[in-house]
Amino acid sequence: MRLGARLVAIALAALLTSCGTSISGINARPDKYYEHKVSFTGRIQRMQFLAHETMLEVADSRGGRIIVRSAEPVEAEVGEWAEVTGVLVPEMRIEDVVVYDVVAAEKIRRTRAPRFRDLM
């Protein structure tokens, strides 16, 4: 194999492995991610402030949505892109309601929109 072809193969492999978890991927097989740390980027669609926590609805570029619970204050606003890191739990009690497939956020930070939104 020539050097150029080898470099292209290595670059392609690095690109594919750098693709992180997406919201659509989590929604397709949530049982695969239960009790595991997940990290994804999405746009904040809705935000609800509760007594001691903040609930977010985050959507990816494909339209997949997921509920995120944060015990810490969230600096991002509705409509902004955010990177979320947390643990996906099968169910969580929020006040008096049981909610399923929720990400218990460890960190939420503002970020820019993905460069190639519709690529994957």
PDB file of N, CA and C in Angstrom:
ATOM      1  N   MET A   1       0.844  -1.168   0.000  1.00  0.00           N
ATOM      2  CA  MET A   1       0.000   0.000   0.000  1.00  0.00           C
ATOM      3  C   MET A   1       0.896   1.240   0.000  1.00  0.00           C
ATOM      4  N   ARG A   2       0.576   2.184  -0.850  1.00  0.00           N
ATOM      5  CA  ARG A   2       1.390   3.385  -0.938  1.00  0.00           C
ATOM      6  C   ARG A   2       1.124   4.297   0.259  1.00  0.00           C
ATOM      7  N   LEU A   3       2.025   5.219   0.473  1.00  0.00           N
ATOM      8  CA  LEU A   3       1.951   6.119   1.616  1.00  0.00           C
ATOM      9  C   LEU A   3       0.698   6.984   1.579  1.00  0.00           C
ATOM     10  N   GLY A   4       0.338   7.497   0.428  1.00  0.00           N
ATOM     11  CA  GLY A   4      -0.857   8.348   0.306  1.00  0.00           C
ATOM     12  C   GLY A   4      -2.133   7.604   0.672  1.00  0.00           C
ATOM     13  N   ALA A   5      -2.258   6.372   0.181  1.00  0.00           N
ATOM     14  CA  ALA A   5      -3.442   5.569   0.492  1.00  0.00           C
ATOM     15  C   ALA A   5      -3.501   5.234   1.978  1.00  0.00           C
ATOM     16  N   ARG A   6      -2.336   4.985   2.569  1.00  0.00           N
ATOM     17  CA  ARG A   6      -2.274   4.688   3.992  1.00  0.00           C
ATOM     18  C   ARG A   6      -2.721   5.886   4.826  1.00  0.00           C
ATOM     19  N   LEU A   7      -2.251   7.068   4.447  1.00  0.00           N
ATOM     20  CA  LEU A   7      -2.636   8.276   5.178  1.00  0.00           C
ATOM     21  C   LEU A   7      -4.132   8.545   5.067  1.00  0.00           C
ATOM     22  N   VAL A   8      -4.711   8.312   3.901  1.00  0.00           N
ATOM     23  CA  VAL A   8      -6.154   8.490   3.723  1.00  0.00           C
ATOM     24  C   VAL A   8      -6.916   7.501   4.606  1.00  0.00           C
ATOM     25  N   ALA A   9      -6.469   6.261   4.653  1.00  0.00           N
ATOM     26  CA  ALA A   9      -7.127   5.250   5.480  1.00  0.00           C
ATOM     27  C   ALA A   9      -7.042   5.609   6.963  1.00  0.00           C
ATOM     28  N   ILE A  10      -5.901   6.099   7.418  1.00  0.00           N
ATOM     29  CA  ILE A  10      -5.736   6.485   8.815  1.00  0.00           C
ATOM     30  C   ILE A  10      -6.607   7.689   9.141  1.00  0.00           C
ATOM     31  N   ALA A  11      -6.648   8.670   8.234  1.00  0.00           N
ATOM     32  CA  ALA A  11      -7.478   9.858   8.464  1.00  0.00           C
ATOM     33  C   ALA A  11      -8.956   9.498   8.526  1.00  0.00           C
ATOM     34  N   LEU A  12      -9.399   8.595   7.654  1.00  0.00           N
ATOM     35  CA  LEU A  12     -10.796   8.162   7.654  1.00  0.00           C
ATOM     36  C   LEU A  12     -11.130   7.414   8.943  1.00  0.00           C
ATOM     37  N   ALA A  13     -10.247   6.547   9.391  1.00  0.00           N
ATOM     38  CA  ALA A  13     -10.475   5.814  10.635  1.00  0.00           C
ATOM     39  C   ALA A  13     -10.527   6.767  11.821  1.00  0.00           C
ATOM     40  N   ALA A  14      -9.658   7.769  11.845  1.00  0.00           N
ATOM     41  CA  ALA A  14      -9.668   8.751  12.935  1.00  0.00           C
ATOM     42  C   ALA A  14     -10.948   9.572  12.921  1.00  0.00           C
ATOM     43  N   LEU A  15     -11.428   9.919  11.736  1.00  0.00           N
ATOM     44  CA  LEU A  15     -12.662  10.686  11.628  1.00  0.00           C
ATOM     45  C   LEU A  15     -13.856   9.889  12.142  1.00  0.00           C
ATOM     46  N   LEU A  16     -13.939   8.625  11.787  1.00  0.00           N
ATOM     47  CA  LEU A  16     -15.069   7.802  12.213  1.00  0.00           C
ATOM     48  C   LEU A  16     -15.046   7.505  13.702  1.00  0.00           C
ATOM     49  N   THR A  17     -13.873   7.351  14.284  1.00  0.00           N
ATOM     50  CA  THR A  17     -13.808   7.080  15.722  1.00  0.00           C
ATOM     51  C   THR A  17     -14.034   8.332  16.539  1.00  0.00           C
ATOM     52  N   SER A  18     -13.811   9.499  15.953  1.00  0.00           N
ATOM     53  CA  SER A  18     -14.024  10.734  16.710  1.00  0.00           C
ATOM     54  C   SER A  18     -15.491  11.120  16.780  1.00  0.00           C
ATOM     55  N   CYS A  19     -16.340  10.496  15.979  1.00  0.00           N
ATOM     56  CA  CYS A  19     -17.773  10.797  16.036  1.00  0.00           C
ATOM     57  C   CYS A  19     -18.319  10.274  17.358  1.00  0.00           C
ATOM     58  N   GLY A  20     -18.854  11.164  18.167  1.00  0.00           N
ATOM     59  CA  GLY A  20     -19.337  10.795  19.490  1.00  0.00           C
ATOM     60  C   GLY A  20     -20.755  10.253  19.431  1.00  0.00           C
ATOM     61  N   THR A  21     -21.288  10.061  20.592  1.00  0.00           N
ATOM     62  CA  THR A  21     -22.654   9.595  20.730  1.00  0.00           C
ATOM     63  C   THR A  21     -23.607  10.710  20.324  1.00  0.00           C
ATOM     64  N   SER A  22     -24.646  10.350  19.597  1.00  0.00           N
ATOM     65  CA  SER A  22     -25.655  11.340  19.214  1.00  0.00           C
ATOM     66  C   SER A  22     -26.942  11.054  19.983  1.00  0.00           C
ATOM     67  N   ILE A  23     -27.796  12.055  20.044  1.00  0.00           N
ATOM     68  CA  ILE A  23     -29.084  11.882  20.713  1.00  0.00           C
ATOM     69  C   ILE A  23     -29.915  10.833  19.985  1.00  0.00           C
ATOM     70  N   SER A  24     -29.885  10.857  18.658  1.00  0.00           N
ATOM     71  CA  SER A  24     -30.625   9.857  17.882  1.00  0.00           C
ATOM     72  C   SER A  24     -30.104   8.449  18.153  1.00  0.00           C
ATOM     73  N   GLY A  25     -28.794   8.317  18.313  1.00  0.00           N
ATOM     74  CA  GLY A  25     -28.212   7.020  18.639  1.00  0.00           C
ATOM     75  C   GLY A  25     -28.627   6.528  20.017  1.00  0.00           C
ATOM     76  N   ILE A  26     -28.698   7.432  20.976  1.00  0.00           N
ATOM     77  CA  ILE A  26     -29.142   7.066  22.324  1.00  0.00           C
ATOM     78  C   ILE A  26     -30.608   6.652  22.293  1.00  0.00           C
ATOM     79  N   ASN A  27     -31.439   7.407  21.569  1.00  0.00           N
ATOM     80  CA  ASN A  27     -32.861   7.076  21.488  1.00  0.00           C
ATOM     81  C   ASN A  27     -33.118   5.761  20.766  1.00  0.00           C
ATOM     82  N   ALA A  28     -32.252   5.411  19.813  1.00  0.00           N
ATOM     83  CA  ALA A  28     -32.437   4.158  19.078  1.00  0.00           C
ATOM     84  C   ALA A  28     -32.213   2.938  19.969  1.00  0.00           C
ATOM     85  N   ARG A  29     -31.203   2.985  20.842  1.00  0.00           N
ATOM     86  CA  ARG A  29     -30.897   1.874  21.743  1.00  0.00           C
ATOM     87  C   ARG A  29     -30.556   2.392  23.127  1.00  0.00           C
ATOM     88  N   PRO A  30     -31.539   2.900  23.879  1.00  0.00           N
ATOM     89  CA  PRO A  30     -31.209   3.463  25.198  1.00  0.00           C
ATOM     90  C   PRO A  30     -30.653   2.426  26.169  1.00  0.00           C
ATOM     91  N   ASP A  31     -31.072   1.170  26.055  1.00  0.00           N
ATOM     92  CA  ASP A  31     -30.589   0.143  26.974  1.00  0.00           C
ATOM     93  C   ASP A  31     -29.079  -0.049  26.869  1.00  0.00           C
ATOM     94  N   LYS A  32     -28.501   0.252  25.735  1.00  0.00           N
ATOM     95  CA  LYS A  32     -27.058   0.140  25.544  1.00  0.00           C
ATOM     96  C   LYS A  32     -26.302   1.173  26.381  1.00  0.00           C
ATOM     97  N   TYR A  33     -26.944   2.303  26.663  1.00  0.00           N
ATOM     98  CA  TYR A  33     -26.290   3.411  27.352  1.00  0.00           C
ATOM     99  C   TYR A  33     -26.725   3.588  28.802  1.00  0.00           C
ATOM    100  N   TYR A  34     -27.688   2.793  29.285  1.00  0.00           N
ATOM    101  CA  TYR A  34     -28.150   2.942  30.666  1.00  0.00           C
ATOM    102  C   TYR A  34     -26.983   2.825  31.637  1.00  0.00           C
ATOM    103  N   GLU A  35     -26.938   3.755  32.607  1.00  0.00           N
ATOM    104  CA  GLU A  35     -25.923   3.800  33.653  1.00  0.00           C
ATOM    105  C   GLU A  35     -24.507   3.962  33.097  1.00  0.00           C
ATOM    106  N   HIS A  36     -24.386   4.483  31.887  1.00  0.00           N
ATOM    107  CA  HIS A  36     -23.082   4.791  31.301  1.00  0.00           C
ATOM    108  C   HIS A  36     -22.990   6.298  31.088  1.00  0.00           C
ATOM    109  N   LYS A  37     -21.774   6.797  31.130  1.00  0.00           N
ATOM    110  CA  LYS A  37     -21.560   8.220  30.867  1.00  0.00           C
ATOM    111  C   LYS A  37     -21.688   8.460  29.364  1.00  0.00           C
ATOM    112  N   VAL A  38     -22.485   9.441  28.997  1.00  0.00           N
ATOM    113  CA  VAL A  38     -22.665   9.820  27.597  1.00  0.00           C
ATOM    114  C   VAL A  38     -22.302  11.292  27.444  1.00  0.00           C
ATOM    115  N   SER A  39     -21.888  11.641  26.249  1.00  0.00           N
ATOM    116  CA  SER A  39     -21.561  13.025  25.937  1.00  0.00           C
ATOM    117  C   SER A  39     -22.071  13.297  24.531  1.00  0.00           C
ATOM    118  N   PHE A  40     -22.821  14.375  24.371  1.00  0.00           N
ATOM    119  CA  PHE A  40     -23.386  14.702  23.067  1.00  0.00           C
ATOM    120  C   PHE A  40     -23.575  16.201  22.953  1.00  0.00           C
ATOM    121  N   THR A  41     -23.786  16.650  21.722  1.00  0.00           N
ATOM    122  CA  THR A  41     -24.022  18.056  21.440  1.00  0.00           C
ATOM    123  C   THR A  41     -25.409  18.209  20.852  1.00  0.00           C
ATOM    124  N   GLY A  42     -26.139  19.214  21.303  1.00  0.00           N
ATOM    125  CA  GLY A  42     -27.476  19.454  20.783  1.00  0.00           C
ATOM    126  C   GLY A  42     -27.912  20.882  21.061  1.00  0.00           C
ATOM    127  N   ARG A  43     -29.036  21.235  20.479  1.00  0.00           N
ATOM    128  CA  ARG A  43     -29.595  22.573  20.675  1.00  0.00           C
ATOM    129  C   ARG A  43     -30.658  22.508  21.763  1.00  0.00           C
ATOM    130  N   ILE A  44     -30.612  23.441  22.684  1.00  0.00           N
ATOM    131  CA  ILE A  44     -31.588  23.483  23.774  1.00  0.00           C
ATOM    132  C   ILE A  44     -32.920  23.967  23.195  1.00  0.00           C
ATOM    133  N   GLN A  45     -33.939  23.118  23.285  1.00  0.00           N
ATOM    134  CA  GLN A  45     -35.260  23.448  22.754  1.00  0.00           C
ATOM    135  C   GLN A  45     -36.166  24.063  23.815  1.00  0.00           C
ATOM    136  N   ARG A  46     -36.128  23.492  25.008  1.00  0.00           N
ATOM    137  CA  ARG A  46     -36.956  23.998  26.111  1.00  0.00           C
ATOM    138  C   ARG A  46     -36.157  23.932  27.400  1.00  0.00           C
ATOM    139  N   MET A  47     -36.518  24.820  28.325  1.00  0.00           N
ATOM    140  CA  MET A  47     -35.853  24.846  29.618  1.00  0.00           C
ATOM    141  C   MET A  47     -36.908  25.117  30.691  1.00  0.00           C
ATOM    142  N   GLN A  48     -36.873  24.324  31.759  1.00  0.00           N
ATOM    143  CA  GLN A  48     -37.827  24.487  32.861  1.00  0.00           C
ATOM    144  C   GLN A  48     -37.044  24.563  34.164  1.00  0.00           C
ATOM    145  N   PHE A  49     -37.233  25.640  34.909  1.00  0.00           N
ATOM    146  CA  PHE A  49     -36.568  25.807  36.189  1.00  0.00           C
ATOM    147  C   PHE A  49     -37.486  25.276  37.281  1.00  0.00           C
ATOM    148  N   LEU A  50     -36.981  24.334  38.070  1.00  0.00           N
ATOM    149  CA  LEU A  50     -37.715  23.778  39.199  1.00  0.00           C
ATOM    150  C   LEU A  50     -37.050  24.258  40.488  1.00  0.00           C
ATOM    151  N   ALA A  51     -37.530  23.789  41.616  1.00  0.00           N
ATOM    152  CA  ALA A  51     -37.046  24.277  42.910  1.00  0.00           C
ATOM    153  C   ALA A  51     -35.527  24.150  43.066  1.00  0.00           C
ATOM    154  N   HIS A  52     -34.985  22.974  42.835  1.00  0.00           N
ATOM    155  CA  HIS A  52     -33.555  22.755  43.066  1.00  0.00           C
ATOM    156  C   HIS A  52     -32.854  22.161  41.853  1.00  0.00           C
ATOM    157  N   GLU A  53     -33.456  22.267  40.698  1.00  0.00           N
ATOM    158  CA  GLU A  53     -32.858  21.691  39.495  1.00  0.00           C
ATOM    159  C   GLU A  53     -33.409  22.367  38.252  1.00  0.00           C
ATOM    160  N   THR A  54     -32.772  22.090  37.134  1.00  0.00           N
ATOM    161  CA  THR A  54     -33.199  22.622  35.846  1.00  0.00           C
ATOM    162  C   THR A  54     -33.401  21.457  34.893  1.00  0.00           C
ATOM    163  N   MET A  55     -34.515  21.455  34.184  1.00  0.00           N
ATOM    164  CA  MET A  55     -34.806  20.434  33.181  1.00  0.00           C
ATOM    165  C   MET A  55     -34.634  21.054  31.800  1.00  0.00           C
ATOM    166  N   LEU A  56     -33.986  20.323  30.909  1.00  0.00           N
ATOM    167  CA  LEU A  56     -33.759  20.781  29.547  1.00  0.00           C
ATOM    168  C   LEU A  56     -34.271  19.734  28.566  1.00  0.00           C
ATOM    169  N   GLU A  57     -34.771  20.184  27.439  1.00  0.00           N
ATOM    170  CA  GLU A  57     -35.033  19.298  26.316  1.00  0.00           C
ATOM    171  C   GLU A  57     -34.023  19.684  25.252  1.00  0.00           C
ATOM    172  N   VAL A  58     -33.159  18.738  24.892  1.00  0.00           N
ATOM    173  CA  VAL A  58     -32.079  18.987  23.949  1.00  0.00           C
ATOM    174  C   VAL A  58     -32.338  18.165  22.699  1.00  0.00           C
ATOM    175  N   ALA A  59     -32.164  18.780  21.527  1.00  0.00           N
ATOM    176  CA  ALA A  59     -32.400  18.106  20.243  1.00  0.00           C
ATOM    177  C   ALA A  59     -31.134  18.157  19.403  1.00  0.00           C
ATOM    178  N   ASP A  60     -30.896  17.081  18.648  1.00  0.00           N
ATOM    179  CA  ASP A  60     -29.767  17.085  17.722  1.00  0.00           C
ATOM    180  C   ASP A  60     -30.227  17.573  16.347  1.00  0.00           C
ATOM    181  N   SER A  61     -29.316  17.578  15.397  1.00  0.00           N
ATOM    182  CA  SER A  61     -29.633  18.102  14.062  1.00  0.00           C
ATOM    183  C   SER A  61     -30.588  17.200  13.292  1.00  0.00           C
ATOM    184  N   ARG A  62     -30.744  15.947  13.703  1.00  0.00           N
ATOM    185  CA  ARG A  62     -31.673  15.025  13.038  1.00  0.00           C
ATOM    186  C   ARG A  62     -33.081  15.077  13.624  1.00  0.00           C
ATOM    187  N   GLY A  63     -33.248  15.823  14.704  1.00  0.00           N
ATOM    188  CA  GLY A  63     -34.566  15.941  15.329  1.00  0.00           C
ATOM    189  C   GLY A  63     -34.761  15.070  16.542  1.00  0.00           C
ATOM    190  N   GLY A  64     -33.783  14.230  16.880  1.00  0.00           N
ATOM    191  CA  GLY A  64     -33.885  13.407  18.079  1.00  0.00           C
ATOM    192  C   GLY A  64     -33.828  14.282  19.318  1.00  0.00           C
ATOM    193  N   ARG A  65     -34.663  13.981  20.300  1.00  0.00           N
ATOM    194  CA  ARG A  65     -34.739  14.796  21.518  1.00  0.00           C
ATOM    195  C   ARG A  65     -34.502  13.931  22.748  1.00  0.00           C
ATOM    196  N   ILE A  66     -33.963  14.567  23.795  1.00  0.00           N
ATOM    197  CA  ILE A  66     -33.717  13.865  25.044  1.00  0.00           C
ATOM    198  C   ILE A  66     -33.884  14.858  26.201  1.00  0.00           C
ATOM    199  N   ILE A  67     -34.297  14.337  27.344  1.00  0.00           N
ATOM    200  CA  ILE A  67     -34.484  15.151  28.546  1.00  0.00           C
ATOM    201  C   ILE A  67     -33.188  15.117  29.362  1.00  0.00           C
ATOM    202  N   VAL A  68     -32.765  16.282  29.828  1.00  0.00           N
ATOM    203  CA  VAL A  68     -31.550  16.414  30.623  1.00  0.00           C
ATOM    204  C   VAL A  68     -31.914  17.111  31.933  1.00  0.00           C
ATOM    205  N   ARG A  69     -31.448  16.555  33.054  1.00  0.00           N
ATOM    206  CA  ARG A  69     -31.664  17.157  34.369  1.00  0.00           C
ATOM    207  C   ARG A  69     -30.326  17.642  34.900  1.00  0.00           C
ATOM    208  N   SER A  70     -30.312  18.893  35.348  1.00  0.00           N
ATOM    209  CA  SER A  70     -29.096  19.466  35.903  1.00  0.00           C
ATOM    210  C   SER A  70     -29.373  19.999  37.302  1.00  0.00           C
ATOM    211  N   ALA A  71     -28.552  19.588  38.261  1.00  0.00           N
ATOM    212  CA  ALA A  71     -28.681  20.106  39.620  1.00  0.00           C
ATOM    213  C   ALA A  71     -27.986  21.454  39.748  1.00  0.00           C
ATOM    214  N   GLU A  72     -27.047  21.728  38.851  1.00  0.00           N
ATOM    215  CA  GLU A  72     -26.312  22.992  38.848  1.00  0.00           C
ATOM    216  C   GLU A  72     -27.015  24.000  37.940  1.00  0.00           C
ATOM    217  N   PRO A  73     -26.798  25.287  38.153  1.00  0.00           N
ATOM    218  CA  PRO A  73     -27.363  26.287  37.242  1.00  0.00           C
ATOM    219  C   PRO A  73     -26.795  26.125  35.829  1.00  0.00           C
ATOM    220  N   VAL A  74     -27.621  26.375  34.831  1.00  0.00           N
ATOM    221  CA  VAL A  74     -27.221  26.239  33.429  1.00  0.00           C
ATOM    222  C   VAL A  74     -27.031  27.624  32.844  1.00  0.00           C
ATOM    223  N   GLU A  75     -25.864  27.870  32.244  1.00  0.00           N
ATOM    224  CA  GLU A  75     -25.562  29.174  31.684  1.00  0.00           C
ATOM    225  C   GLU A  75     -26.120  29.358  30.276  1.00  0.00           C
ATOM    226  N   ALA A  76     -26.386  28.281  29.579  1.00  0.00           N
ATOM    227  CA  ALA A  76     -26.871  28.364  28.203  1.00  0.00           C
ATOM    228  C   ALA A  76     -28.344  28.763  28.181  1.00  0.00           C
ATOM    229  N   GLU A  77     -28.770  29.294  27.061  1.00  0.00           N
ATOM    230  CA  GLU A  77     -30.149  29.750  26.872  1.00  0.00           C
ATOM    231  C   GLU A  77     -30.856  28.864  25.849  1.00  0.00           C
ATOM    232  N   VAL A  78     -32.163  28.985  25.782  1.00  0.00           N
ATOM    233  CA  VAL A  78     -32.949  28.261  24.770  1.00  0.00           C
ATOM    234  C   VAL A  78     -32.511  28.727  23.389  1.00  0.00           C
ATOM    235  N   GLY A  79     -32.303  27.775  22.488  1.00  0.00           N
ATOM    236  CA  GLY A  79     -31.870  28.080  21.128  1.00  0.00           C
ATOM    237  C   GLY A  79     -30.374  27.970  20.928  1.00  0.00           C
ATOM    238  N   GLU A  80     -29.601  27.915  22.011  1.00  0.00           N
ATOM    239  CA  GLU A  80     -28.146  27.793  21.889  1.00  0.00           C
ATOM    240  C   GLU A  80     -27.745  26.324  21.833  1.00  0.00           C
ATOM    241  N   TRP A  81     -26.581  26.077  21.240  1.00  0.00           N
ATOM    242  CA  TRP A  81     -26.021  24.736  21.199  1.00  0.00           C
ATOM    243  C   TRP A  81     -25.266  24.487  22.490  1.00  0.00           C
ATOM    244  N   ALA A  82     -25.360  23.277  23.010  1.00  0.00           N
ATOM    245  CA  ALA A  82     -24.703  22.932  24.272  1.00  0.00           C
ATOM    246  C   ALA A  82     -24.105  21.534  24.169  1.00  0.00           C
ATOM    247  N   GLU A  83     -23.007  21.347  24.866  1.00  0.00           N
ATOM    248  CA  GLU A  83     -22.397  20.025  24.987  1.00  0.00           C
ATOM    249  C   GLU A  83     -22.757  19.493  26.369  1.00  0.00           C
ATOM    250  N   VAL A  84     -23.377  18.328  26.406  1.00  0.00           N
ATOM    251  CA  VAL A  84     -23.867  17.735  27.648  1.00  0.00           C
ATOM    252  C   VAL A  84     -23.059  16.484  27.952  1.00  0.00           C
ATOM    253  N   THR A  85     -22.607  16.366  29.175  1.00  0.00           N
ATOM    254  CA  THR A  85     -21.948  15.158  29.666  1.00  0.00           C
ATOM    255  C   THR A  85     -22.686  14.721  30.917  1.00  0.00           C
ATOM    256  N   GLY A  86     -23.069  13.444  30.946  1.00  0.00           N
ATOM    257  CA  GLY A  86     -23.794  12.936  32.107  1.00  0.00           C
ATOM    258  C   GLY A  86     -24.047  11.447  31.992  1.00  0.00           C
ATOM    259  N   VAL A  87     -24.863  10.940  32.885  1.00  0.00           N
ATOM    260  CA  VAL A  87     -25.187   9.512  32.939  1.00  0.00           C
ATOM    261  C   VAL A  87     -26.645   9.334  32.536  1.00  0.00           C
ATOM    262  N   LEU A  88     -26.891   8.430  31.585  1.00  0.00           N
ATOM    263  CA  LEU A  88     -28.258   8.121  31.167  1.00  0.00           C
ATOM    264  C   LEU A  88     -28.858   7.134  32.166  1.00  0.00           C
ATOM    265  N   VAL A  89     -29.983   7.514  32.756  1.00  0.00           N
ATOM    266  CA  VAL A  89     -30.659   6.645  33.709  1.00  0.00           C
ATOM    267  C   VAL A  89     -32.013   6.224  33.138  1.00  0.00           C
ATOM    268  N   PRO A  90     -32.452   4.990  33.411  1.00  0.00           N
ATOM    269  CA  PRO A  90     -33.713   4.512  32.834  1.00  0.00           C
ATOM    270  C   PRO A  90     -34.932   5.252  33.350  1.00  0.00           C
ATOM    271  N   GLU A  91     -34.919   5.639  34.621  1.00  0.00           N
ATOM    272  CA  GLU A  91     -36.049   6.416  35.151  1.00  0.00           C
ATOM    273  C   GLU A  91     -35.563   7.272  36.316  1.00  0.00           C
ATOM    274  N   MET A  92     -36.254   8.404  36.480  1.00  0.00           N
ATOM    275  CA  MET A  92     -35.879   9.350  37.519  1.00  0.00           C
ATOM    276  C   MET A  92     -37.147  10.027  38.029  1.00  0.00           C
ATOM    277  N   ARG A  93     -37.217  10.203  39.334  1.00  0.00           N
ATOM    278  CA  ARG A  93     -38.357  10.920  39.917  1.00  0.00           C
ATOM    279  C   ARG A  93     -37.999  12.393  40.001  1.00  0.00           C
ATOM    280  N   ILE A  94     -38.814  13.208  39.347  1.00  0.00           N
ATOM    281  CA  ILE A  94     -38.638  14.657  39.359  1.00  0.00           C
ATOM    282  C   ILE A  94     -39.886  15.241  39.988  1.00  0.00           C
ATOM    283  N   GLU A  95     -39.701  15.789  41.188  1.00  0.00           N
ATOM    284  CA  GLU A  95     -40.802  16.202  42.041  1.00  0.00           C
ATOM    285  C   GLU A  95     -41.718  14.992  42.232  1.00  0.00           C
ATOM    286  N   ASP A  96     -42.954  15.000  41.742  1.00  0.00           N
ATOM    287  CA  ASP A  96     -43.857  13.862  41.948  1.00  0.00           C
ATOM    288  C   ASP A  96     -44.072  13.031  40.686  1.00  0.00           C
ATOM    289  N   VAL A  97     -43.278  13.255  39.666  1.00  0.00           N
ATOM    290  CA  VAL A  97     -43.480  12.595  38.375  1.00  0.00           C
ATOM    291  C   VAL A  97     -42.285  11.705  38.060  1.00  0.00           C
ATOM    292  N   VAL A  98     -42.551  10.501  37.547  1.00  0.00           N
ATOM    293  CA  VAL A  98     -41.496   9.611  37.097  1.00  0.00           C
ATOM    294  C   VAL A  98     -41.276   9.876  35.614  1.00  0.00           C
ATOM    295  N   VAL A  99     -40.020  10.161  35.260  1.00  0.00           N
ATOM    296  CA  VAL A  99     -39.650  10.443  33.875  1.00  0.00           C
ATOM    297  C   VAL A  99     -38.668   9.371  33.434  1.00  0.00           C
ATOM    298  N   TYR A 100     -38.813   8.891  32.207  1.00  0.00           N
ATOM    299  CA  TYR A 100     -37.984   7.803  31.695  1.00  0.00           C
ATOM    300  C   TYR A 100     -36.927   8.317  30.730  1.00  0.00           C
ATOM    301  N   ASP A 101     -35.792   7.619  30.680  1.00  0.00           N
ATOM    302  CA  ASP A 101     -34.664   7.913  29.784  1.00  0.00           C
ATOM    303  C   ASP A 101     -34.204   9.360  29.932  1.00  0.00           C
ATOM    304  N   VAL A 102     -33.654   9.663  31.084  1.00  0.00           N
ATOM    305  CA  VAL A 102     -33.195  11.010  31.420  1.00  0.00           C
ATOM    306  C   VAL A 102     -31.683  10.992  31.591  1.00  0.00           C
ATOM    307  N   VAL A 103     -31.022  12.045  31.132  1.00  0.00           N
ATOM    308  CA  VAL A 103     -29.589  12.204  31.360  1.00  0.00           C
ATOM    309  C   VAL A 103     -29.407  13.064  32.606  1.00  0.00           C
ATOM    310  N   ALA A 104     -28.753  12.500  33.615  1.00  0.00           N
ATOM    311  CA  ALA A 104     -28.390  13.256  34.816  1.00  0.00           C
ATOM    312  C   ALA A 104     -27.076  13.953  34.500  1.00  0.00           C
ATOM    313  N   ALA A 105     -27.159  15.252  34.210  1.00  0.00           N
ATOM    314  CA  ALA A 105     -26.008  15.993  33.698  1.00  0.00           C
ATOM    315  C   ALA A 105     -24.962  16.241  34.769  1.00  0.00           C
ATOM    316  N   GLU A 106     -23.724  16.011  34.397  1.00  0.00           N
ATOM    317  CA  GLU A 106     -22.590  16.378  35.233  1.00  0.00           C
ATOM    318  C   GLU A 106     -22.036  17.721  34.792  1.00  0.00           C
ATOM    319  N   LYS A 107     -22.108  17.957  33.469  1.00  0.00           N
ATOM    320  CA  LYS A 107     -21.584  19.212  32.932  1.00  0.00           C
ATOM    321  C   LYS A 107     -22.386  19.598  31.694  1.00  0.00           C
ATOM    322  N   ILE A 108     -22.793  20.861  31.632  1.00  0.00           N
ATOM    323  CA  ILE A 108     -23.449  21.423  30.451  1.00  0.00           C
ATOM    324  C   ILE A 108     -22.716  22.718  30.126  1.00  0.00           C
ATOM    325  N   ARG A 109     -22.211  22.802  28.912  1.00  0.00           N
ATOM    326  CA  ARG A 109     -21.518  24.032  28.538  1.00  0.00           C
ATOM    327  C   ARG A 109     -21.931  24.452  27.139  1.00  0.00           C
ATOM    328  N   ARG A 110     -21.943  25.756  26.931  1.00  0.00           N
ATOM    329  CA  ARG A 110     -22.261  26.290  25.608  1.00  0.00           C
ATOM    330  C   ARG A 110     -21.187  25.898  24.620  1.00  0.00           C
ATOM    331  N   THR A 111     -21.592  25.681  23.383  1.00  0.00           N
ATOM    332  CA  THR A 111     -20.649  25.344  22.322  1.00  0.00           C
ATOM    333  C   THR A 111     -21.197  25.888  21.013  1.00  0.00           C
ATOM    334  N   ARG A 112     -20.428  25.761  19.964  1.00  0.00           N
ATOM    335  CA  ARG A 112     -20.889  26.200  18.650  1.00  0.00           C
ATOM    336  C   ARG A 112     -21.651  25.057  17.986  1.00  0.00           C
ATOM    337  N   ALA A 113     -22.388  25.389  16.954  1.00  0.00           N
ATOM    338  CA  ALA A 113     -23.117  24.365  16.190  1.00  0.00           C
ATOM    339  C   ALA A 113     -22.122  23.464  15.479  1.00  0.00           C
ATOM    340  N   PRO A 114     -22.445  22.190  15.297  1.00  0.00           N
ATOM    341  CA  PRO A 114     -21.542  21.296  14.566  1.00  0.00           C
ATOM    342  C   PRO A 114     -21.311  21.796  13.145  1.00  0.00           C
ATOM    343  N   ARG A 115     -20.112  21.617  12.643  1.00  0.00           N
ATOM    344  CA  ARG A 115     -19.778  22.073  11.292  1.00  0.00           C
ATOM    345  C   ARG A 115     -20.532  21.284  10.232  1.00  0.00           C
ATOM    346  N   PHE A 116     -20.571  19.982  10.401  1.00  0.00           N
ATOM    347  CA  PHE A 116     -21.217  19.111   9.414  1.00  0.00           C
ATOM    348  C   PHE A 116     -22.453  18.489  10.050  1.00  0.00           C
ATOM    349  N   ARG A 117     -23.487  19.277  10.247  1.00  0.00           N
ATOM    350  CA  ARG A 117     -24.680  18.825  10.970  1.00  0.00           C
ATOM    351  C   ARG A 117     -25.378  17.644  10.308  1.00  0.00           C
ATOM    352  N   ASP A 118     -25.507  17.651   9.019  1.00  0.00           N
ATOM    353  CA  ASP A 118     -26.279  16.628   8.330  1.00  0.00           C
ATOM    354  C   ASP A 118     -25.422  15.498   7.792  1.00  0.00           C
ATOM    355  N   LEU A 119     -24.179  15.424   8.196  1.00  0.00           N
ATOM    356  CA  LEU A 119     -23.277  14.397   7.691  1.00  0.00           C
ATOM    357  C   LEU A 119     -23.639  13.024   8.217  1.00  0.00           C
ATOM    358  N   MET A 120     -23.958  12.928   9.496  1.00  0.00           N
ATOM    359  CA  MET A 120     -24.227  11.617  10.081  1.00  0.00           C
ATOM    360  C   MET A 120     -25.606  11.564  10.648  1.00  0.00           C
TER     361      MET A 120
END
